[in-house]
Amino acid sequence: LFGLTWYQVPLVSSQGMVVLAHFSKEEVPTHPSDSAWETVPPLPVPLSGQIITRPVWPEPSARALSIRSIHNGKDIAFLLEWQDATINESLTPGVFRDGVAVALPLGDAPAFFCMGQLDHYVNIWHWKADWQSDVDRRAERAKESKRGQSGPRRFEVIPRRPSSVEDLVGGGFSTLTSKEQQGRIQGQAEWKSGVWRVVMKRPLTSTGDDLDNEAMLVPGRMQAVAFAVWNGENKERNGQKSVASWMQLLIEPVPTPSHKGTESFESNPRPS
């Protein structure tokens, strides 16, 4: 389904591509199976190995990433899909998890596409399959308890996580820092027939005391975005991954009623 030959995409750099976040008047879809995603055409993006720093990873398993995006003026969501023959949702010594990440520069200039630069940081949204498993198991445990169907008491320890997505700031290799405030970016995922489908959602408006460490997402404004994929079965972790270098993200303007009763489009000003 997601092979480069099926998409007729040559194995070249993803630079020059534009991810379009389509405007919708409805609520932004939060689950991969939501029918709203069928109204948005996917953008097939080629992936290549990370060969900038050691250990290099010239032969990653993921070779293409399908990207869709929807916003409603309040929230924005990305649906990311890629082929993966196995589910890897554990992280133990010698065992690695599946994952996918979105990188957005903090500021106007694109940063180096892997992790940023020491003088130009990036905001990274890292979805992790093991975190998704923790979130899903806790949700299922809560449903069982509510239905009174918990059965024999289990002593399984499930970490409490506000989201399956870790919100990070990076300024170069080995400089990733997890933000103190987590949960702004929510994730939902499903694996079916050898394909991961992951949704990441965040409010468009940045608020709170951590504005300097959150990428601004402004309707009508072109900005940079990059992506990465990890296959735990292939022992991929950290810098050993598939990457799509910087491309453009265009968030469609929000339509506003005109004086003649028709809709016009205007961009939201970037917060100062």
C-alpha atoms as a PDB file:
ATOM      1  CA  LEU A   1       0.000   0.000   0.000  1.00  0.00           C
ATOM      2  CA  PHE A   2       2.712   2.470   0.897  1.00  0.00           C
ATOM      3  CA  GLY A   3       5.517   1.385  -1.410  1.00  0.00           C
ATOM      4  CA  LEU A   4       7.278   4.083  -3.373  1.00  0.00           C
ATOM      5  CA  THR A   5       6.477   2.319  -6.620  1.00  0.00           C
ATOM      6  CA  TRP A   6       2.772   2.317  -5.793  1.00  0.00           C
ATOM      7  CA  TYR A   7       2.948   6.047  -5.098  1.00  0.00           C
ATOM      8  CA  GLN A   8       5.232   6.576  -8.113  1.00  0.00           C
ATOM      9  CA  VAL A   9       7.575   8.571  -5.890  1.00  0.00           C
ATOM     10  CA  PRO A  10      11.298   8.297  -6.666  1.00  0.00           C
ATOM     11  CA  LEU A  11      13.711   7.762  -3.818  1.00  0.00           C
ATOM     12  CA  VAL A  12      14.840  11.373  -3.573  1.00  0.00           C
ATOM     13  CA  SER A  13      14.869  14.127  -1.007  1.00  0.00           C
ATOM     14  CA  SER A  14      11.514  15.256   0.369  1.00  0.00           C
ATOM     15  CA  GLN A  15      12.609  18.889   0.103  1.00  0.00           C
ATOM     16  CA  GLY A  16      10.265  20.976  -2.017  1.00  0.00           C
ATOM     17  CA  MET A  17       7.142  19.096  -0.921  1.00  0.00           C
ATOM     18  CA  VAL A  18       4.268  20.900   0.798  1.00  0.00           C
ATOM     19  CA  VAL A  19       2.113  19.371   3.531  1.00  0.00           C
ATOM     20  CA  LEU A  20      -1.298  21.054   3.401  1.00  0.00           C
ATOM     21  CA  ALA A  21      -3.341  21.215   6.604  1.00  0.00           C
ATOM     22  CA  HIS A  22      -6.886  21.337   5.248  1.00  0.00           C
ATOM     23  CA  PHE A  23      -9.466  23.528   6.985  1.00  0.00           C
ATOM     24  CA  SER A  24     -12.612  21.856   8.307  1.00  0.00           C
ATOM     25  CA  LYS A  25     -15.607  23.323  10.111  1.00  0.00           C
ATOM     26  CA  GLU A  26     -15.969  20.087  12.080  1.00  0.00           C
ATOM     27  CA  GLU A  27     -14.080  18.804  15.078  1.00  0.00           C
ATOM     28  CA  VAL A  28     -10.569  17.670  14.243  1.00  0.00           C
ATOM     29  CA  PRO A  29     -10.416  13.849  14.007  1.00  0.00           C
ATOM     30  CA  THR A  30      -8.474  12.211  16.811  1.00  0.00           C
ATOM     31  CA  HIS A  31      -8.529   8.557  15.728  1.00  0.00           C
ATOM     32  CA  PRO A  32      -6.954   7.026  12.610  1.00  0.00           C
ATOM     33  CA  SER A  33     -10.220   5.321  11.617  1.00  0.00           C
ATOM     34  CA  ASP A  34     -12.262   8.548  11.615  1.00  0.00           C
ATOM     35  CA  SER A  35     -14.003   8.958   8.255  1.00  0.00           C
ATOM     36  CA  ALA A  36     -12.936  12.613   8.108  1.00  0.00           C
ATOM     37  CA  TRP A  37      -9.487  11.486   6.996  1.00  0.00           C
ATOM     38  CA  GLU A  38     -10.990  10.067   3.810  1.00  0.00           C
ATOM     39  CA  THR A  39     -11.849  13.622   2.708  1.00  0.00           C
ATOM     40  CA  VAL A  40      -8.168  14.606   2.702  1.00  0.00           C
ATOM     41  CA  PRO A  41      -5.767  13.358   0.005  1.00  0.00           C
ATOM     42  CA  PRO A  42      -2.568  11.784   1.377  1.00  0.00           C
ATOM     43  CA  LEU A  43       0.844  13.219   0.592  1.00  0.00           C
ATOM     44  CA  PRO A  44       3.339  10.381  -0.042  1.00  0.00           C
ATOM     45  CA  VAL A  45       6.803  11.332   1.188  1.00  0.00           C
ATOM     46  CA  PRO A  46      10.004   9.334   0.552  1.00  0.00           C
ATOM     47  CA  LEU A  47      12.143   8.413   3.551  1.00  0.00           C
ATOM     48  CA  SER A  48      15.883   7.825   3.646  1.00  0.00           C
ATOM     49  CA  GLY A  49      18.412   6.670   6.215  1.00  0.00           C
ATOM     50  CA  GLN A  50      20.100   8.949   8.720  1.00  0.00           C
ATOM     51  CA  ILE A  51      23.709   9.247   7.502  1.00  0.00           C
ATOM     52  CA  ILE A  52      24.784  12.533   9.089  1.00  0.00           C
ATOM     53  CA  THR A  53      26.134  11.329  12.415  1.00  0.00           C
ATOM     54  CA  ARG A  54      27.401   8.061  13.870  1.00  0.00           C
ATOM     55  CA  PRO A  55      26.055   5.483  14.065  1.00  0.00           C
ATOM     56  CA  VAL A  56      24.808   6.065  10.524  1.00  0.00           C
ATOM     57  CA  TRP A  57      21.715   4.186   9.397  1.00  0.00           C
ATOM     58  CA  PRO A  58      21.814   3.950   5.592  1.00  0.00           C
ATOM     59  CA  GLU A  59      19.334   1.060   5.252  1.00  0.00           C
ATOM     60  CA  PRO A  60      16.207   1.771   7.313  1.00  0.00           C
ATOM     61  CA  SER A  61      13.143  -0.413   6.859  1.00  0.00           C
ATOM     62  CA  ALA A  62      10.577   2.363   6.331  1.00  0.00           C
ATOM     63  CA  ARG A  63      10.865   3.907   2.869  1.00  0.00           C
ATOM     64  CA  ALA A  64       7.699   5.990   2.568  1.00  0.00           C
ATOM     65  CA  LEU A  65       5.410   7.972   4.849  1.00  0.00           C
ATOM     66  CA  SER A  66       1.848   9.025   4.030  1.00  0.00           C
ATOM     67  CA  ILE A  67       0.868  12.383   5.566  1.00  0.00           C
ATOM     68  CA  ARG A  68      -2.534  14.030   5.986  1.00  0.00           C
ATOM     69  CA  SER A  69      -3.446  17.044   8.099  1.00  0.00           C
ATOM     70  CA  ILE A  70      -6.679  18.762   9.165  1.00  0.00           C
ATOM     71  CA  HIS A  71      -7.335  21.851  11.293  1.00  0.00           C
ATOM     72  CA  ASN A  72     -10.443  23.767  12.328  1.00  0.00           C
ATOM     73  CA  GLY A  73      -8.902  27.017  13.508  1.00  0.00           C
ATOM     74  CA  LYS A  74      -8.606  25.701  17.072  1.00  0.00           C
ATOM     75  CA  ASP A  75      -6.774  22.379  16.785  1.00  0.00           C
ATOM     76  CA  ILE A  76      -4.551  20.710  14.202  1.00  0.00           C
ATOM     77  CA  ALA A  77      -4.010  16.989  13.643  1.00  0.00           C
ATOM     78  CA  PHE A  78      -1.667  14.901  11.510  1.00  0.00           C
ATOM     79  CA  LEU A  79      -2.370  11.362  10.305  1.00  0.00           C
ATOM     80  CA  LEU A  80       0.890   9.521   9.599  1.00  0.00           C
ATOM     81  CA  GLU A  81       0.883   6.077   7.944  1.00  0.00           C
ATOM     82  CA  TRP A  82       3.720   3.728   7.046  1.00  0.00           C
ATOM     83  CA  GLN A  83       4.354   0.061   6.396  1.00  0.00           C
ATOM     84  CA  ASP A  84       5.630  -2.039   9.293  1.00  0.00           C
ATOM     85  CA  ALA A  85       5.257  -5.818   9.235  1.00  0.00           C
ATOM     86  CA  THR A  86       5.420  -6.162  13.032  1.00  0.00           C
ATOM     87  CA  ILE A  87       4.165  -4.408  16.157  1.00  0.00           C
ATOM     88  CA  ASN A  88       6.913  -3.442  18.575  1.00  0.00           C
ATOM     89  CA  GLU A  89       5.433  -1.816  21.663  1.00  0.00           C
ATOM     90  CA  SER A  90       7.983  -2.720  24.325  1.00  0.00           C
ATOM     91  CA  LEU A  91      11.209  -1.062  25.407  1.00  0.00           C
ATOM     92  CA  THR A  92      13.538  -3.328  27.370  1.00  0.00           C
ATOM     93  CA  PRO A  93      17.265  -4.092  27.070  1.00  0.00           C
ATOM     94  CA  GLY A  94      17.804  -5.272  23.502  1.00  0.00           C
ATOM     95  CA  VAL A  95      14.145  -4.730  22.557  1.00  0.00           C
ATOM     96  CA  PHE A  96      13.088  -1.538  20.798  1.00  0.00           C
ATOM     97  CA  ARG A  97       9.785   0.173  20.063  1.00  0.00           C
ATOM     98  CA  ASP A  98       8.153   1.533  16.942  1.00  0.00           C
ATOM     99  CA  GLY A  99       7.747   5.286  16.700  1.00  0.00           C
ATOM    100  CA  VAL A 100       7.198   8.333  14.538  1.00  0.00           C
ATOM    101  CA  ALA A 101       8.022  12.000  15.076  1.00  0.00           C
ATOM    102  CA  VAL A 102       7.119  15.434  13.769  1.00  0.00           C
ATOM    103  CA  ALA A 103       9.742  18.201  14.000  1.00  0.00           C
ATOM    104  CA  LEU A 104       8.906  21.910  13.831  1.00  0.00           C
ATOM    105  CA  PRO A 105      11.510  24.675  14.158  1.00  0.00           C
ATOM    106  CA  LEU A 106      11.260  27.165  16.993  1.00  0.00           C
ATOM    107  CA  GLY A 107      11.425  30.427  15.072  1.00  0.00           C
ATOM    108  CA  ASP A 108      11.336  31.201  11.379  1.00  0.00           C
ATOM    109  CA  ALA A 109      14.432  29.493   9.962  1.00  0.00           C
ATOM    110  CA  PRO A 110      14.568  25.738   9.285  1.00  0.00           C
ATOM    111  CA  ALA A 111      17.019  23.913  11.480  1.00  0.00           C
ATOM    112  CA  PHE A 112      19.176  20.923  10.588  1.00  0.00           C
ATOM    113  CA  PHE A 113      16.662  18.219   9.818  1.00  0.00           C
ATOM    114  CA  CYS A 114      17.708  15.574  12.322  1.00  0.00           C
ATOM    115  CA  MET A 115      17.574  17.295  15.689  1.00  0.00           C
ATOM    116  CA  GLY A 116      18.130  21.015  15.300  1.00  0.00           C
ATOM    117  CA  GLN A 117      21.196  23.142  15.841  1.00  0.00           C
ATOM    118  CA  LEU A 118      22.723  24.508  18.985  1.00  0.00           C
ATOM    119  CA  ASP A 119      21.710  28.021  17.916  1.00  0.00           C
ATOM    120  CA  HIS A 120      18.316  27.037  16.484  1.00  0.00           C
ATOM    121  CA  TYR A 121      16.075  24.656  18.353  1.00  0.00           C
ATOM    122  CA  VAL A 122      13.223  22.450  17.191  1.00  0.00           C
ATOM    123  CA  ASN A 123      10.041  21.249  18.866  1.00  0.00           C
ATOM    124  CA  ILE A 124       9.658  17.480  18.389  1.00  0.00           C
ATOM    125  CA  TRP A 125       6.473  15.450  18.825  1.00  0.00           C
ATOM    126  CA  HIS A 126       7.542  11.832  19.363  1.00  0.00           C
ATOM    127  CA  TRP A 127       4.820   9.184  19.319  1.00  0.00           C
ATOM    128  CA  LYS A 128       5.962   5.943  20.955  1.00  0.00           C
ATOM    129  CA  ALA A 129       4.267   2.573  20.546  1.00  0.00           C
ATOM    130  CA  ASP A 130       5.031   1.510  24.124  1.00  0.00           C
ATOM    131  CA  TRP A 131       3.529   4.735  25.474  1.00  0.00           C
ATOM    132  CA  GLN A 132       0.427   4.115  23.351  1.00  0.00           C
ATOM    133  CA  SER A 133       0.172   0.643  24.847  1.00  0.00           C
ATOM    134  CA  ASP A 134       0.374   2.116  28.361  1.00  0.00           C
ATOM    135  CA  VAL A 135      -2.343   4.690  27.615  1.00  0.00           C
ATOM    136  CA  ASP A 136      -4.620   2.109  25.977  1.00  0.00           C
ATOM    137  CA  ARG A 137      -4.229  -0.444  28.769  1.00  0.00           C
ATOM    138  CA  ARG A 138      -5.007   2.147  31.427  1.00  0.00           C
ATOM    139  CA  ALA A 139      -8.097   3.242  29.497  1.00  0.00           C
ATOM    140  CA  GLU A 140      -9.258  -0.365  29.168  1.00  0.00           C
ATOM    141  CA  ARG A 141      -8.618  -0.996  32.864  1.00  0.00           C
ATOM    142  CA  ALA A 142     -10.753   2.055  33.717  1.00  0.00           C
ATOM    143  CA  LYS A 143     -13.595   0.764  31.510  1.00  0.00           C
ATOM    144  CA  GLU A 144     -13.453  -2.661  33.163  1.00  0.00           C
ATOM    145  CA  SER A 145     -13.571  -1.085  36.597  1.00  0.00           C
ATOM    146  CA  LYS A 146     -16.545   1.084  35.627  1.00  0.00           C
ATOM    147  CA  ARG A 147     -18.427  -1.966  34.313  1.00  0.00           C
ATOM    148  CA  GLY A 148     -17.542  -3.939  37.416  1.00  0.00           C
ATOM    149  CA  GLN A 149     -15.734  -6.509  35.288  1.00  0.00           C
ATOM    150  CA  SER A 150     -12.221  -6.132  36.626  1.00  0.00           C
ATOM    151  CA  GLY A 151     -12.111  -9.792  37.722  1.00  0.00           C
ATOM    152  CA  PRO A 152      -9.218 -11.029  39.841  1.00  0.00           C
ATOM    153  CA  ARG A 153      -6.967  -8.233  40.975  1.00  0.00           C
ATOM    154  CA  ARG A 154      -3.938  -7.845  38.731  1.00  0.00           C
ATOM    155  CA  PHE A 155      -0.632  -6.502  39.950  1.00  0.00           C
ATOM    156  CA  GLU A 156       0.463  -5.173  36.568  1.00  0.00           C
ATOM    157  CA  VAL A 157       2.167  -1.802  36.879  1.00  0.00           C
ATOM    158  CA  ILE A 158       1.130   0.511  34.047  1.00  0.00           C
ATOM    159  CA  PRO A 159       2.859   3.910  33.920  1.00  0.00           C
ATOM    160  CA  ARG A 160       0.550   6.919  34.133  1.00  0.00           C
ATOM    161  CA  ARG A 161       1.105   8.971  31.002  1.00  0.00           C
ATOM    162  CA  PRO A 162      -0.796  12.105  29.928  1.00  0.00           C
ATOM    163  CA  SER A 163      -0.303  11.129  26.282  1.00  0.00           C
ATOM    164  CA  SER A 164       1.331   8.610  23.964  1.00  0.00           C
ATOM    165  CA  VAL A 165       3.322  11.521  22.486  1.00  0.00           C
ATOM    166  CA  GLU A 166       6.380  12.986  24.183  1.00  0.00           C
ATOM    167  CA  ASP A 167       6.803  16.737  23.680  1.00  0.00           C
ATOM    168  CA  LEU A 168      10.517  17.570  23.316  1.00  0.00           C
ATOM    169  CA  VAL A 169      12.948  20.338  22.441  1.00  0.00           C
ATOM    170  CA  GLY A 170      16.153  19.556  20.529  1.00  0.00           C
ATOM    171  CA  GLY A 171      19.157  21.687  19.717  1.00  0.00           C
ATOM    172  CA  GLY A 172      21.492  19.153  18.115  1.00  0.00           C
ATOM    173  CA  PHE A 173      22.397  15.497  18.489  1.00  0.00           C
ATOM    174  CA  SER A 174      22.206  14.206  22.070  1.00  0.00           C
ATOM    175  CA  THR A 175      20.516  17.411  23.256  1.00  0.00           C
ATOM    176  CA  LEU A 176      16.885  16.274  23.337  1.00  0.00           C
ATOM    177  CA  THR A 177      15.033  17.499  26.415  1.00  0.00           C
ATOM    178  CA  SER A 178      11.562  16.433  27.487  1.00  0.00           C
ATOM    179  CA  LYS A 179       9.382  19.443  28.247  1.00  0.00           C
ATOM    180  CA  GLU A 180       8.108  19.830  31.788  1.00  0.00           C
ATOM    181  CA  GLN A 181       4.530  20.305  30.607  1.00  0.00           C
ATOM    182  CA  GLN A 182       3.313  17.178  28.793  1.00  0.00           C
ATOM    183  CA  GLY A 183      -0.086  16.304  27.357  1.00  0.00           C
ATOM    184  CA  ARG A 184      -0.529  19.260  24.991  1.00  0.00           C
ATOM    185  CA  ILE A 185      -0.044  16.844  22.091  1.00  0.00           C
ATOM    186  CA  GLN A 186      -2.383  13.864  22.145  1.00  0.00           C
ATOM    187  CA  GLY A 187      -1.890  10.670  20.170  1.00  0.00           C
ATOM    188  CA  GLN A 188      -4.005   7.745  18.981  1.00  0.00           C
ATOM    189  CA  ALA A 189      -2.789   4.850  16.869  1.00  0.00           C
ATOM    190  CA  GLU A 190      -3.750   1.548  15.339  1.00  0.00           C
ATOM    191  CA  TRP A 191      -1.779  -1.175  13.572  1.00  0.00           C
ATOM    192  CA  LYS A 192      -3.620  -3.229  10.975  1.00  0.00           C
ATOM    193  CA  SER A 193      -2.518  -5.427   8.072  1.00  0.00           C
ATOM    194  CA  GLY A 194       1.115  -4.367   8.346  1.00  0.00           C
ATOM    195  CA  VAL A 195       0.476  -0.617   8.498  1.00  0.00           C
ATOM    196  CA  TRP A 196       0.818   1.800  11.400  1.00  0.00           C
ATOM    197  CA  ARG A 197      -1.670   4.691  11.396  1.00  0.00           C
ATOM    198  CA  VAL A 198      -0.896   7.385  13.982  1.00  0.00           C
ATOM    199  CA  VAL A 199      -2.751  10.614  14.750  1.00  0.00           C
ATOM    200  CA  MET A 200      -1.111  13.465  16.649  1.00  0.00           C
ATOM    201  CA  LYS A 201      -3.229  16.455  17.669  1.00  0.00           C
ATOM    202  CA  ARG A 202      -2.392  19.806  19.302  1.00  0.00           C
ATOM    203  CA  PRO A 203      -4.169  23.133  19.898  1.00  0.00           C
ATOM    204  CA  LEU A 204      -3.130  25.750  17.354  1.00  0.00           C
ATOM    205  CA  THR A 205      -2.848  28.511  19.938  1.00  0.00           C
ATOM    206  CA  SER A 206       0.148  28.409  22.250  1.00  0.00           C
ATOM    207  CA  THR A 207      -0.533  29.367  25.856  1.00  0.00           C
ATOM    208  CA  GLY A 208       1.126  29.107  29.241  1.00  0.00           C
ATOM    209  CA  ASP A 209       4.635  29.766  30.464  1.00  0.00           C
ATOM    210  CA  ASP A 210       6.430  27.596  27.894  1.00  0.00           C
ATOM    211  CA  LEU A 211       5.809  29.614  24.716  1.00  0.00           C
ATOM    212  CA  ASP A 212       9.493  29.764  23.787  1.00  0.00           C
ATOM    213  CA  ASN A 213       9.625  25.963  23.600  1.00  0.00           C
ATOM    214  CA  GLU A 214       6.447  25.396  21.567  1.00  0.00           C
ATOM    215  CA  ALA A 215       6.344  25.673  17.791  1.00  0.00           C
ATOM    216  CA  MET A 216       3.927  28.317  16.548  1.00  0.00           C
ATOM    217  CA  LEU A 217       1.246  26.958  14.199  1.00  0.00           C
ATOM    218  CA  VAL A 218      -0.461  29.797  12.351  1.00  0.00           C
ATOM    219  CA  PRO A 219      -3.170  29.448   9.666  1.00  0.00           C
ATOM    220  CA  GLY A 220      -2.134  31.047   6.385  1.00  0.00           C
ATOM    221  CA  ARG A 221       1.562  30.877   7.199  1.00  0.00           C
ATOM    222  CA  MET A 222       4.098  28.651   5.435  1.00  0.00           C
ATOM    223  CA  GLN A 223       6.573  27.005   7.800  1.00  0.00           C
ATOM    224  CA  ALA A 224       8.997  24.105   7.890  1.00  0.00           C
ATOM    225  CA  VAL A 225       8.282  20.567   9.075  1.00  0.00           C
ATOM    226  CA  ALA A 226      10.214  17.275   9.094  1.00  0.00           C
ATOM    227  CA  PHE A 227       9.412  13.669  10.009  1.00  0.00           C
ATOM    228  CA  ALA A 228      11.146  10.518  11.281  1.00  0.00           C
ATOM    229  CA  VAL A 229      10.138   6.851  11.660  1.00  0.00           C
ATOM    230  CA  TRP A 230      11.597   4.088  13.849  1.00  0.00           C
ATOM    231  CA  ASN A 231      11.092   0.330  13.392  1.00  0.00           C
ATOM    232  CA  GLY A 232      11.798  -1.486  16.641  1.00  0.00           C
ATOM    233  CA  GLU A 233      12.008  -4.868  14.892  1.00  0.00           C
ATOM    234  CA  ASN A 234      14.933  -3.460  12.893  1.00  0.00           C
ATOM    235  CA  LYS A 235      16.544  -2.334  16.183  1.00  0.00           C
ATOM    236  CA  GLU A 236      16.076   1.318  15.257  1.00  0.00           C
ATOM    237  CA  ARG A 237      16.349   3.881  18.059  1.00  0.00           C
ATOM    238  CA  ASN A 238      17.697   7.367  18.681  1.00  0.00           C
ATOM    239  CA  GLY A 239      19.528   8.494  15.507  1.00  0.00           C
ATOM    240  CA  GLN A 240      19.069   5.121  13.805  1.00  0.00           C
ATOM    241  CA  LYS A 241      15.881   5.880  11.886  1.00  0.00           C
ATOM    242  CA  SER A 242      14.219   6.813   8.607  1.00  0.00           C
ATOM    243  CA  VAL A 243      13.965  10.547   7.969  1.00  0.00           C
ATOM    244  CA  ALA A 244      12.179  13.002   5.709  1.00  0.00           C
ATOM    245  CA  SER A 245      14.130  16.242   5.633  1.00  0.00           C
ATOM    246  CA  TRP A 246      12.621  19.708   5.829  1.00  0.00           C
ATOM    247  CA  MET A 247       9.596  20.359   3.680  1.00  0.00           C
ATOM    248  CA  GLN A 248       6.915  23.029   3.905  1.00  0.00           C
ATOM    249  CA  LEU A 249       3.745  22.983   6.009  1.00  0.00           C
ATOM    250  CA  LEU A 250       0.912  25.266   4.899  1.00  0.00           C
ATOM    251  CA  ILE A 251      -2.020  25.583   7.284  1.00  0.00           C
ATOM    252  CA  GLU A 252      -5.015  26.729   5.251  1.00  0.00           C
ATOM    253  CA  PRO A 253      -6.414  30.129   6.290  1.00  0.00           C
ATOM    254  CA  VAL A 254      -9.588  30.168   8.358  1.00  0.00           C
ATOM    255  CA  PRO A 255     -12.561  31.397   6.281  1.00  0.00           C
ATOM    256  CA  THR A 256     -14.426  34.401   7.668  1.00  0.00           C
ATOM    257  CA  PRO A 257     -17.844  35.721   6.580  1.00  0.00           C
ATOM    258  CA  SER A 258     -17.618  38.693   4.222  1.00  0.00           C
ATOM    259  CA  HIS A 259     -20.024  41.617   4.074  1.00  0.00           C
ATOM    260  CA  LYS A 260     -21.766  40.049   1.067  1.00  0.00           C
ATOM    261  CA  GLY A 261     -22.541  36.841   2.908  1.00  0.00           C
ATOM    262  CA  THR A 262     -19.844  34.755   1.251  1.00  0.00           C
ATOM    263  CA  GLU A 263     -16.756  33.397   2.884  1.00  0.00           C
ATOM    264  CA  SER A 264     -13.334  34.944   2.574  1.00  0.00           C
ATOM    265  CA  PHE A 265     -10.060  33.744   4.037  1.00  0.00           C
ATOM    266  CA  GLU A 266      -7.763  35.450   6.449  1.00  0.00           C
ATOM    267  CA  SER A 267      -4.678  34.400   8.322  1.00  0.00           C
ATOM    268  CA  ASN A 268      -4.401  34.522  12.056  1.00  0.00           C
ATOM    269  CA  PRO A 269      -1.609  36.869  13.123  1.00  0.00           C
ATOM    270  CA  ARG A 270       1.320  35.234  14.789  1.00  0.00           C
ATOM    271  CA  PRO A 271       1.370  35.863  18.556  1.00  0.00           C
ATOM    272  CA  SER A 272       4.075  38.270  19.599  1.00  0.00           C
END
